[in-house]
Amino acid sequence: MPSRPSPPEIAERLDLELAIKDSSFDALQSGQALNAGQCDLAASAMTITDDRKKNLDFTDGYYDSKQSLLVDAGSDIDSIDDLDGVKVGVQQSTTGKTYAEENAKGAEVISFPSDAEMFQAIKAGQVKALLQDLPVNLDHTKDGDFEVVGTFETDEKYGFAIKKGNTQLVEDVNGALAEMVDDGTYDEIYNTYFSTEN
């Protein structure tokens, strides 16, 4: 996941022990995992939205994201306008799903629990396109079998999610992020993990 490089740096700066745990995105974005004490901070390329703020607190944003459309290399799908009657994979409970439902006219939008299932579905031909965050789709273009044929500006910003009311952790993480920007560490991590160059 694109957001994992920063938590180790933040944990080190805050002198905290880091334990990375997998969770469904739905449990993270709904606040269920944080409120149940399964984790203290969600780092899952999560877009800050007003709806999510009802159940979660967010740190300052650390990445400006775009949505994107991934297809098989050589596909006759050249843009979002070519999706009428096409099965398009999205991840449930994400802004990509919302974007597809609102903008992929005539597409059959199919939800998956995670990117792993989505990518297997496009490789197996069960869907013809994936609509999701650009950094995730770019990762699928590395072997040359798939290509991104469209990116969409959505004014989305990723943030780390924290249990509602844990203002101290929000302030601590924001402080660490600010230090990382000031000393150049943020740029190093950003260029390593968030570059959109193929």
C-alpha atoms as a PDB file:
ATOM      1  CA  MET A   1       0.000   0.000   0.000  1.00  0.00           C
ATOM      2  CA  PRO A   2       1.293   3.423  -0.784  1.00  0.00           C
ATOM      3  CA  SER A   3       0.863   4.781   2.712  1.00  0.00           C
ATOM      4  CA  ARG A   4       3.011   2.321   4.643  1.00  0.00           C
ATOM      5  CA  PRO A   5       6.412   4.026   4.339  1.00  0.00           C
ATOM      6  CA  SER A   6       5.468   6.997   6.549  1.00  0.00           C
ATOM      7  CA  PRO A   7       4.167   5.245   9.699  1.00  0.00           C
ATOM      8  CA  PRO A   8       7.596   3.696  10.515  1.00  0.00           C
ATOM      9  CA  GLU A   9       9.199   7.135  10.285  1.00  0.00           C
ATOM     10  CA  ILE A  10       6.446   8.701  12.380  1.00  0.00           C
ATOM     11  CA  ALA A  11       6.629   5.936  14.993  1.00  0.00           C
ATOM     12  CA  GLU A  12      10.383   6.406  15.258  1.00  0.00           C
ATOM     13  CA  ARG A  13      10.051  10.162  15.699  1.00  0.00           C
ATOM     14  CA  LEU A  14       7.402   9.697  18.396  1.00  0.00           C
ATOM     15  CA  ASP A  15       9.405   6.902  20.080  1.00  0.00           C
ATOM     16  CA  LEU A  16       6.553   4.431  19.643  1.00  0.00           C
ATOM     17  CA  GLU A  17       6.659   0.723  18.928  1.00  0.00           C
ATOM     18  CA  LEU A  18       5.160  -0.025  15.504  1.00  0.00           C
ATOM     19  CA  ALA A  19       3.023  -3.075  14.773  1.00  0.00           C
ATOM     20  CA  ILE A  20       1.458  -3.196  11.297  1.00  0.00           C
ATOM     21  CA  LYS A  21      -1.850  -5.073  11.095  1.00  0.00           C
ATOM     22  CA  ASP A  22      -4.045  -5.818   8.097  1.00  0.00           C
ATOM     23  CA  SER A  23      -7.707  -4.888   8.220  1.00  0.00           C
ATOM     24  CA  SER A  24     -10.523  -4.566   5.739  1.00  0.00           C
ATOM     25  CA  PHE A  25     -10.798  -1.056   4.362  1.00  0.00           C
ATOM     26  CA  ASP A  26     -14.446  -0.918   5.351  1.00  0.00           C
ATOM     27  CA  ALA A  27     -13.562  -1.552   9.019  1.00  0.00           C
ATOM     28  CA  LEU A  28     -10.965   1.217   8.864  1.00  0.00           C
ATOM     29  CA  GLN A  29     -12.967   3.906   7.087  1.00  0.00           C
ATOM     30  CA  SER A  30     -16.066   3.287   9.201  1.00  0.00           C
ATOM     31  CA  GLY A  31     -14.077   3.732  12.417  1.00  0.00           C
ATOM     32  CA  GLN A  32     -14.918   0.207  13.581  1.00  0.00           C
ATOM     33  CA  ALA A  33     -11.299  -1.019  13.796  1.00  0.00           C
ATOM     34  CA  LEU A  34     -10.086   2.102  15.618  1.00  0.00           C
ATOM     35  CA  ASN A  35     -13.032   2.284  18.008  1.00  0.00           C
ATOM     36  CA  ALA A  36     -12.619  -1.401  18.875  1.00  0.00           C
ATOM     37  CA  GLY A  37      -8.975  -0.798  19.766  1.00  0.00           C
ATOM     38  CA  GLN A  38      -7.656  -3.024  16.962  1.00  0.00           C
ATOM     39  CA  CYS A  39      -5.284  -0.244  15.971  1.00  0.00           C
ATOM     40  CA  ASP A  40      -4.390   3.323  16.959  1.00  0.00           C
ATOM     41  CA  LEU A  41      -3.794   4.775  13.502  1.00  0.00           C
ATOM     42  CA  ALA A  42      -5.117   3.764  10.077  1.00  0.00           C
ATOM     43  CA  ALA A  43      -2.626   4.196   7.244  1.00  0.00           C
ATOM     44  CA  SER A  44      -4.443   2.917   4.194  1.00  0.00           C
ATOM     45  CA  ALA A  45      -4.388   5.584   1.472  1.00  0.00           C
ATOM     46  CA  MET A  46      -7.583   6.934   3.019  1.00  0.00           C
ATOM     47  CA  THR A  47      -9.095  10.070   1.569  1.00  0.00           C
ATOM     48  CA  ILE A  48     -10.240  12.654   4.107  1.00  0.00           C
ATOM     49  CA  THR A  49     -13.984  13.146   3.595  1.00  0.00           C
ATOM     50  CA  ASP A  50     -16.699  14.890   5.597  1.00  0.00           C
ATOM     51  CA  ASP A  51     -18.577  11.604   5.885  1.00  0.00           C
ATOM     52  CA  ARG A  52     -15.572   9.807   7.382  1.00  0.00           C
ATOM     53  CA  LYS A  53     -14.926  12.704   9.758  1.00  0.00           C
ATOM     54  CA  LYS A  54     -18.197  11.819  11.494  1.00  0.00           C
ATOM     55  CA  ASN A  55     -16.571   8.652  12.876  1.00  0.00           C
ATOM     56  CA  LEU A  56     -12.843   9.430  12.710  1.00  0.00           C
ATOM     57  CA  ASP A  57     -10.319  12.152  13.359  1.00  0.00           C
ATOM     58  CA  PHE A  58      -7.717  12.802  10.658  1.00  0.00           C
ATOM     59  CA  THR A  59      -4.196  14.117  10.653  1.00  0.00           C
ATOM     60  CA  ASP A  60      -3.128  16.803   8.234  1.00  0.00           C
ATOM     61  CA  GLY A  61      -3.192  15.527   4.671  1.00  0.00           C
ATOM     62  CA  TYR A  62      -0.002  13.946   3.387  1.00  0.00           C
ATOM     63  CA  TYR A  63      -0.802  13.234  -0.273  1.00  0.00           C
ATOM     64  CA  ASP A  64      -2.958  14.779  -3.008  1.00  0.00           C
ATOM     65  CA  SER A  65      -4.483  11.909  -4.953  1.00  0.00           C
ATOM     66  CA  LYS A  66      -6.312  11.413  -8.231  1.00  0.00           C
ATOM     67  CA  GLN A  67      -8.614   8.654  -9.406  1.00  0.00           C
ATOM     68  CA  SER A  68      -7.534   6.618 -12.430  1.00  0.00           C
ATOM     69  CA  LEU A  69      -8.725   4.038 -14.938  1.00  0.00           C
ATOM     70  CA  LEU A  70      -6.659   0.883 -15.495  1.00  0.00           C
ATOM     71  CA  VAL A  71      -7.222  -1.436 -18.463  1.00  0.00           C
ATOM     72  CA  ASP A  72      -5.496  -4.304 -20.210  1.00  0.00           C
ATOM     73  CA  ALA A  73      -2.700  -3.030 -22.469  1.00  0.00           C
ATOM     74  CA  GLY A  74      -4.128  -2.937 -25.992  1.00  0.00           C
ATOM     75  CA  SER A  75      -7.711  -2.652 -24.780  1.00  0.00           C
ATOM     76  CA  ASP A  76     -10.156  -0.690 -26.935  1.00  0.00           C
ATOM     77  CA  ILE A  77     -11.107   1.272 -23.796  1.00  0.00           C
ATOM     78  CA  ASP A  78      -9.385   4.640 -24.116  1.00  0.00           C
ATOM     79  CA  SER A  79     -11.288   6.715 -21.574  1.00  0.00           C
ATOM     80  CA  ILE A  80     -14.065   6.738 -19.005  1.00  0.00           C
ATOM     81  CA  ASP A  81     -16.463   7.486 -21.876  1.00  0.00           C
ATOM     82  CA  ASP A  82     -15.879   3.972 -23.258  1.00  0.00           C
ATOM     83  CA  LEU A  83     -17.316   2.135 -20.233  1.00  0.00           C
ATOM     84  CA  ASP A  84     -20.959   1.822 -21.310  1.00  0.00           C
ATOM     85  CA  GLY A  85     -21.859  -1.843 -20.795  1.00  0.00           C
ATOM     86  CA  VAL A  86     -18.409  -2.640 -19.386  1.00  0.00           C
ATOM     87  CA  LYS A  87     -17.746  -4.347 -16.043  1.00  0.00           C
ATOM     88  CA  VAL A  88     -15.589  -2.019 -13.924  1.00  0.00           C
ATOM     89  CA  GLY A  89     -13.958  -3.097 -10.674  1.00  0.00           C
ATOM     90  CA  VAL A  90     -13.883  -0.781  -7.673  1.00  0.00           C
ATOM     91  CA  GLN A  91     -13.048  -1.217  -4.003  1.00  0.00           C
ATOM     92  CA  GLN A  92     -16.048  -1.132  -1.690  1.00  0.00           C
ATOM     93  CA  SER A  93     -16.509   1.930   0.538  1.00  0.00           C
ATOM     94  CA  THR A  94     -13.971   4.007  -1.398  1.00  0.00           C
ATOM     95  CA  THR A  95     -14.058   7.339  -3.181  1.00  0.00           C
ATOM     96  CA  GLY A  96     -13.172   5.423  -6.360  1.00  0.00           C
ATOM     97  CA  LYS A  97     -16.451   3.519  -6.103  1.00  0.00           C
ATOM     98  CA  THR A  98     -18.357   6.778  -5.673  1.00  0.00           C
ATOM     99  CA  TYR A  99     -16.537   8.351  -8.607  1.00  0.00           C
ATOM    100  CA  ALA A 100     -17.282   5.359 -10.858  1.00  0.00           C
ATOM    101  CA  GLU A 101     -20.969   5.340  -9.913  1.00  0.00           C
ATOM    102  CA  GLU A 102     -21.273   9.061 -10.657  1.00  0.00           C
ATOM    103  CA  ASN A 103     -19.123   9.298 -13.796  1.00  0.00           C
ATOM    104  CA  ALA A 104     -18.797   5.925 -15.571  1.00  0.00           C
ATOM    105  CA  LYS A 105     -22.046   6.194 -17.503  1.00  0.00           C
ATOM    106  CA  GLY A 106     -23.611   2.833 -18.343  1.00  0.00           C
ATOM    107  CA  ALA A 107     -20.841   0.831 -16.660  1.00  0.00           C
ATOM    108  CA  GLU A 108     -21.580  -2.199 -14.507  1.00  0.00           C
ATOM    109  CA  VAL A 109     -19.740  -1.248 -11.311  1.00  0.00           C
ATOM    110  CA  ILE A 110     -18.593  -4.295  -9.333  1.00  0.00           C
ATOM    111  CA  SER A 111     -17.282  -3.878  -5.777  1.00  0.00           C
ATOM    112  CA  PHE A 112     -14.429  -5.896  -4.285  1.00  0.00           C
ATOM    113  CA  PRO A 113     -13.152  -6.009  -0.688  1.00  0.00           C
ATOM    114  CA  SER A 114      -9.600  -4.985  -1.638  1.00  0.00           C
ATOM    115  CA  ASP A 115      -7.246  -4.135  -4.465  1.00  0.00           C
ATOM    116  CA  ALA A 116      -5.886  -7.696  -4.444  1.00  0.00           C
ATOM    117  CA  GLU A 117      -9.275  -9.136  -5.423  1.00  0.00           C
ATOM    118  CA  MET A 118      -9.822  -6.369  -7.981  1.00  0.00           C
ATOM    119  CA  PHE A 119      -6.492  -7.031  -9.669  1.00  0.00           C
ATOM    120  CA  GLN A 120      -7.127 -10.773  -9.797  1.00  0.00           C
ATOM    121  CA  ALA A 121     -10.522 -10.057 -11.394  1.00  0.00           C
ATOM    122  CA  ILE A 122      -9.067  -7.934 -14.199  1.00  0.00           C
ATOM    123  CA  LYS A 123      -6.310 -10.494 -14.810  1.00  0.00           C
ATOM    124  CA  ALA A 124      -8.964 -13.225 -15.066  1.00  0.00           C
ATOM    125  CA  GLY A 125     -11.112 -11.123 -17.419  1.00  0.00           C
ATOM    126  CA  GLN A 126     -14.006 -10.872 -14.943  1.00  0.00           C
ATOM    127  CA  VAL A 127     -13.848  -7.065 -15.238  1.00  0.00           C
ATOM    128  CA  LYS A 128     -12.403  -4.989 -18.071  1.00  0.00           C
ATOM    129  CA  ALA A 129     -11.235  -1.980 -16.060  1.00  0.00           C
ATOM    130  CA  LEU A 130     -10.360  -0.860 -12.535  1.00  0.00           C
ATOM    131  CA  LEU A 131     -11.215   2.604 -11.261  1.00  0.00           C
ATOM    132  CA  GLN A 132      -9.286   3.565  -8.135  1.00  0.00           C
ATOM    133  CA  ASP A 133      -6.536   5.781  -6.715  1.00  0.00           C
ATOM    134  CA  LEU A 134      -3.725   6.514  -9.158  1.00  0.00           C
ATOM    135  CA  PRO A 135      -0.779   5.255  -7.040  1.00  0.00           C
ATOM    136  CA  VAL A 136      -2.440   1.852  -6.626  1.00  0.00           C
ATOM    137  CA  ASN A 137      -3.242   1.503 -10.328  1.00  0.00           C
ATOM    138  CA  LEU A 138       0.249   2.656 -11.332  1.00  0.00           C
ATOM    139  CA  ASP A 139       1.676  -0.237  -9.345  1.00  0.00           C
ATOM    140  CA  HIS A 140      -0.223  -2.587 -11.675  1.00  0.00           C
ATOM    141  CA  THR A 141       1.432  -1.158 -14.800  1.00  0.00           C
ATOM    142  CA  LYS A 142       4.968  -2.243 -13.900  1.00  0.00           C
ATOM    143  CA  ASP A 143       4.943  -5.491 -15.901  1.00  0.00           C
ATOM    144  CA  GLY A 144       3.502  -3.813 -19.025  1.00  0.00           C
ATOM    145  CA  ASP A 145       0.346  -5.946 -19.147  1.00  0.00           C
ATOM    146  CA  PHE A 146      -1.890  -3.087 -17.967  1.00  0.00           C
ATOM    147  CA  GLU A 147      -2.003   0.658 -18.557  1.00  0.00           C
ATOM    148  CA  VAL A 148      -3.630   3.723 -17.041  1.00  0.00           C
ATOM    149  CA  VAL A 149      -5.762   5.378 -19.738  1.00  0.00           C
ATOM    150  CA  GLY A 150      -7.213   8.204 -17.700  1.00  0.00           C
ATOM    151  CA  THR A 151      -6.658  10.202 -14.527  1.00  0.00           C
ATOM    152  CA  PHE A 152      -9.295  12.301 -12.831  1.00  0.00           C
ATOM    153  CA  GLU A 153      -8.785  15.326 -10.585  1.00  0.00           C
ATOM    154  CA  THR A 154     -10.996  14.893  -7.533  1.00  0.00           C
ATOM    155  CA  ASP A 155      -9.399  17.204  -4.951  1.00  0.00           C
ATOM    156  CA  GLU A 156      -8.745  14.222  -2.679  1.00  0.00           C
ATOM    157  CA  LYS A 157      -6.176  14.273   0.092  1.00  0.00           C
ATOM    158  CA  TYR A 158      -4.959  11.230   2.029  1.00  0.00           C
ATOM    159  CA  GLY A 159      -4.709  11.483   5.798  1.00  0.00           C
ATOM    160  CA  PHE A 160      -3.966   9.106   8.667  1.00  0.00           C
ATOM    161  CA  ALA A 161      -7.173   8.192  10.505  1.00  0.00           C
ATOM    162  CA  ILE A 162      -7.272   8.133  14.299  1.00  0.00           C
ATOM    163  CA  LYS A 163      -9.981   7.231  16.803  1.00  0.00           C
ATOM    164  CA  LYS A 164     -12.444  10.065  17.274  1.00  0.00           C
ATOM    165  CA  GLY A 165     -11.410  12.215  20.238  1.00  0.00           C
ATOM    166  CA  ASN A 166      -7.753  11.147  20.391  1.00  0.00           C
ATOM    167  CA  THR A 167      -6.571  14.710  19.792  1.00  0.00           C
ATOM    168  CA  GLN A 168      -3.170  14.111  21.400  1.00  0.00           C
ATOM    169  CA  LEU A 169      -2.224  11.466  18.831  1.00  0.00           C
ATOM    170  CA  VAL A 170      -3.486  13.690  16.004  1.00  0.00           C
ATOM    171  CA  GLU A 171      -1.309  16.565  17.275  1.00  0.00           C
ATOM    172  CA  ASP A 172       1.710  14.288  17.751  1.00  0.00           C
ATOM    173  CA  VAL A 173       1.460  12.819  14.249  1.00  0.00           C
ATOM    174  CA  ASN A 174       0.921  16.267  12.720  1.00  0.00           C
ATOM    175  CA  GLY A 175       4.060  17.443  14.523  1.00  0.00           C
ATOM    176  CA  ALA A 176       6.067  14.524  13.145  1.00  0.00           C
ATOM    177  CA  LEU A 177       4.748  15.182   9.628  1.00  0.00           C
ATOM    178  CA  ALA A 178       5.715  18.856   9.900  1.00  0.00           C
ATOM    179  CA  GLU A 179       9.238  17.895  11.052  1.00  0.00           C
ATOM    180  CA  MET A 180       9.542  15.486   8.117  1.00  0.00           C
ATOM    181  CA  VAL A 181       8.614  18.263   5.687  1.00  0.00           C
ATOM    182  CA  ASP A 182      11.064  20.686   7.289  1.00  0.00           C
ATOM    183  CA  ASP A 183      14.051  18.321   7.281  1.00  0.00           C
ATOM    184  CA  GLY A 184      13.453  16.874   3.784  1.00  0.00           C
ATOM    185  CA  THR A 185      12.482  13.372   4.902  1.00  0.00           C
ATOM    186  CA  TYR A 186       8.945  13.827   3.573  1.00  0.00           C
ATOM    187  CA  ASP A 187      10.235  14.580   0.057  1.00  0.00           C
ATOM    188  CA  GLU A 188      12.511  11.531   0.135  1.00  0.00           C
ATOM    189  CA  ILE A 189       9.621   9.242   1.110  1.00  0.00           C
ATOM    190  CA  TYR A 190       7.228  10.937  -1.319  1.00  0.00           C
ATOM    191  CA  ASN A 191       9.604  10.546  -4.272  1.00  0.00           C
ATOM    192  CA  THR A 192      10.275   6.909  -3.412  1.00  0.00           C
ATOM    193  CA  TYR A 193       6.698   5.732  -2.959  1.00  0.00           C
ATOM    194  CA  PHE A 194       4.375   8.246  -4.607  1.00  0.00           C
ATOM    195  CA  SER A 195       6.104   9.000  -7.879  1.00  0.00           C
ATOM    196  CA  THR A 196       3.618   8.814 -10.739  1.00  0.00           C
ATOM    197  CA  GLU A 197       6.308   8.241 -13.321  1.00  0.00           C
ATOM    198  CA  ASN A 198       5.965   4.912 -15.118  1.00  0.00           C
END
